[in-house]
C-alpha atoms as a PDB file:
ATOM      1  CA  ALA A   1      57.859 -29.038  70.229  1.00  0.00           C
ATOM      2  CA  PRO A   2      57.072 -26.405  72.757  1.00  0.00           C
ATOM      3  CA  GLY A   3      59.155 -23.127  72.718  1.00  0.00           C
ATOM      4  CA  GLU A   4      61.294 -21.850  75.691  1.00  0.00           C
ATOM      5  CA  GLY A   5      58.966 -21.531  78.617  1.00  0.00           C
ATOM      6  CA  GLU A   6      56.043 -23.209  76.946  1.00  0.00           C
ATOM      7  CA  SER A   7      55.039 -26.750  77.924  1.00  0.00           C
ATOM      8  CA  TYR A   8      52.293 -29.214  76.613  1.00  0.00           C
ATOM      9  CA  ILE A   9      49.194 -28.990  78.633  1.00  0.00           C
ATOM     10  CA  HIS A  10      48.947 -32.763  79.273  1.00  0.00           C
ATOM     11  CA  ASP A  11      52.544 -32.596  80.835  1.00  0.00           C
ATOM     12  CA  LEU A  12      51.085 -30.524  83.584  1.00  0.00           C
ATOM     13  CA  VAL A  13      48.824 -33.281  84.746  1.00  0.00           C
ATOM     14  CA  GLY A  14      50.217 -35.077  87.867  1.00  0.00           C
ATOM     15  CA  LEU A  15      52.649 -32.255  88.842  1.00  0.00           C
ATOM     16  CA  THR A  16      52.996 -31.424  92.328  1.00  0.00           C
ATOM     17  CA  VAL A  17      51.969 -27.930  93.189  1.00  0.00           C
ATOM     18  CA  VAL A  18      53.902 -25.722  95.686  1.00  0.00           C
ATOM     19  CA  THR A  19      53.573 -22.024  96.658  1.00  0.00           C
ATOM     20  CA  CYS A  20      56.238 -19.383  96.072  1.00  0.00           C
ATOM     21  CA  ASP A  21      57.717 -20.351  99.432  1.00  0.00           C
ATOM     22  CA  GLY A  22      58.177 -24.019  98.511  1.00  0.00           C
ATOM     23  CA  SER A  23      55.073 -25.158 100.819  1.00  0.00           C
ATOM     24  CA  ALA A  24      53.324 -28.244  99.540  1.00  0.00           C
ATOM     25  CA  PHE A  25      49.919 -27.039  98.056  1.00  0.00           C
ATOM     26  CA  GLY A  26      48.485 -29.901  96.142  1.00  0.00           C
ATOM     27  CA  LYS A  27      48.511 -31.817  92.753  1.00  0.00           C
ATOM     28  CA  VAL A  28      47.384 -31.123  89.220  1.00  0.00           C
ATOM     29  CA  VAL A  29      44.611 -33.517  88.427  1.00  0.00           C
ATOM     30  CA  ASP A  30      43.419 -31.997  85.173  1.00  0.00           C
ATOM     31  CA  VAL A  31      43.633 -28.967  82.930  1.00  0.00           C
ATOM     32  CA  VAL A  32      40.460 -27.539  81.523  1.00  0.00           C
ATOM     33  CA  ASN A  33      39.259 -24.751  79.166  1.00  0.00           C
ATOM     34  CA  TYR A  34      35.890 -23.265  79.489  1.00  0.00           C
ATOM     35  CA  GLY A  35      36.676 -20.673  76.891  1.00  0.00           C
ATOM     36  CA  ALA A  36      38.493 -18.099  78.882  1.00  0.00           C
ATOM     37  CA  GLY A  37      41.948 -19.846  78.824  1.00  0.00           C
ATOM     38  CA  ASP A  38      43.359 -22.764  80.533  1.00  0.00           C
ATOM     39  CA  LEU A  39      42.511 -23.614  84.156  1.00  0.00           C
ATOM     40  CA  LEU A  40      44.572 -25.830  86.326  1.00  0.00           C
ATOM     41  CA  ASP A  41      42.400 -28.302  88.459  1.00  0.00           C
ATOM     42  CA  ILE A  42      44.364 -28.548  91.666  1.00  0.00           C
ATOM     43  CA  ALA A  43      43.461 -31.349  94.130  1.00  0.00           C
ATOM     44  CA  ARG A  44      44.267 -30.493  97.898  1.00  0.00           C
ATOM     45  CA  PRO A  45      44.403 -33.042 100.625  1.00  0.00           C
ATOM     46  CA  GLY A  46      41.015 -32.822 102.546  1.00  0.00           C
ATOM     47  CA  GLU A  47      39.845 -29.738 100.702  1.00  0.00           C
ATOM     48  CA  ALA A  48      37.760 -29.152  97.679  1.00  0.00           C
ATOM     49  CA  ASN A  49      39.753 -28.968  94.210  1.00  0.00           C
ATOM     50  CA  ILE A  50      40.303 -25.314  93.084  1.00  0.00           C
ATOM     51  CA  PHE A  51      40.913 -23.875  89.734  1.00  0.00           C
ATOM     52  CA  VAL A  52      43.799 -21.681  88.863  1.00  0.00           C
ATOM     53  CA  PRO A  53      44.288 -19.792  85.684  1.00  0.00           C
ATOM     54  CA  TYR A  54      47.277 -21.315  83.821  1.00  0.00           C
ATOM     55  CA  ALA A  55      48.826 -17.796  83.364  1.00  0.00           C
ATOM     56  CA  ALA A  56      52.261 -16.329  84.274  1.00  0.00           C
ATOM     57  CA  ALA A  57      50.807 -14.081  86.935  1.00  0.00           C
ATOM     58  CA  PHE A  58      49.471 -17.206  88.676  1.00  0.00           C
ATOM     59  CA  VAL A  59      52.190 -19.737  87.528  1.00  0.00           C
ATOM     60  CA  PRO A  60      55.564 -18.304  87.717  1.00  0.00           C
ATOM     61  CA  GLU A  61      57.616 -21.332  87.353  1.00  0.00           C
ATOM     62  CA  VAL A  62      56.882 -24.882  85.783  1.00  0.00           C
ATOM     63  CA  ASP A  63      59.308 -27.623  86.062  1.00  0.00           C
ATOM     64  CA  ILE A  64      58.136 -30.604  84.150  1.00  0.00           C
ATOM     65  CA  ALA A  65      61.447 -32.603  84.565  1.00  0.00           C
ATOM     66  CA  GLY A  66      61.308 -31.907  88.333  1.00  0.00           C
ATOM     67  CA  GLY A  67      57.587 -32.997  88.499  1.00  0.00           C
ATOM     68  CA  ARG A  68      56.419 -29.660  90.037  1.00  0.00           C
ATOM     69  CA  LEU A  69      55.037 -26.166  89.453  1.00  0.00           C
ATOM     70  CA  THR A  70      54.925 -23.046  91.580  1.00  0.00           C
ATOM     71  CA  ILE A  71      51.717 -21.120  92.024  1.00  0.00           C
ATOM     72  CA  ASP A  72      51.535 -17.350  93.251  1.00  0.00           C
ATOM     73  CA  LEU A  73      47.925 -16.666  94.260  1.00  0.00           C
ATOM     74  CA  PRO A  74      46.818 -13.082  95.095  1.00  0.00           C
ATOM     75  CA  GLU A  75      45.889 -12.523  98.663  1.00  0.00           C
ATOM     76  CA  GLY A  76      42.539 -13.516  99.330  1.00  0.00           C
ATOM     77  CA  TYR A  77      42.119 -15.837  96.396  1.00  0.00           C
ATOM     78  CA  LEU A  78      41.177 -18.811  98.310  1.00  0.00           C
ATOM     79  CA  ASP A  79      39.005 -16.802 100.852  1.00  0.00           C
ATOM     80  CA  GLU A  80      36.541 -16.449  97.771  1.00  0.00           C
ATOM     81  CA  LYS A  81      36.151 -20.099  97.036  1.00  0.00           C
END
């Protein structure tokens, strides 16, 4: 079983993604790993999917039971995509 603060990666797929202020952002559709750590594949309505590192700096809160996770993207993160 996962330890406190840990989760099974497959449990993240399907979670609603919100920003730190609670605004809806998208949904986790996959978790991929290209060798540099896990990346959340987040689908956003009407926009291209984005990849966000699954790390505490980017994902400060995961609520599996509540069906959502919170992301905290650095300023300008979306501008580079």
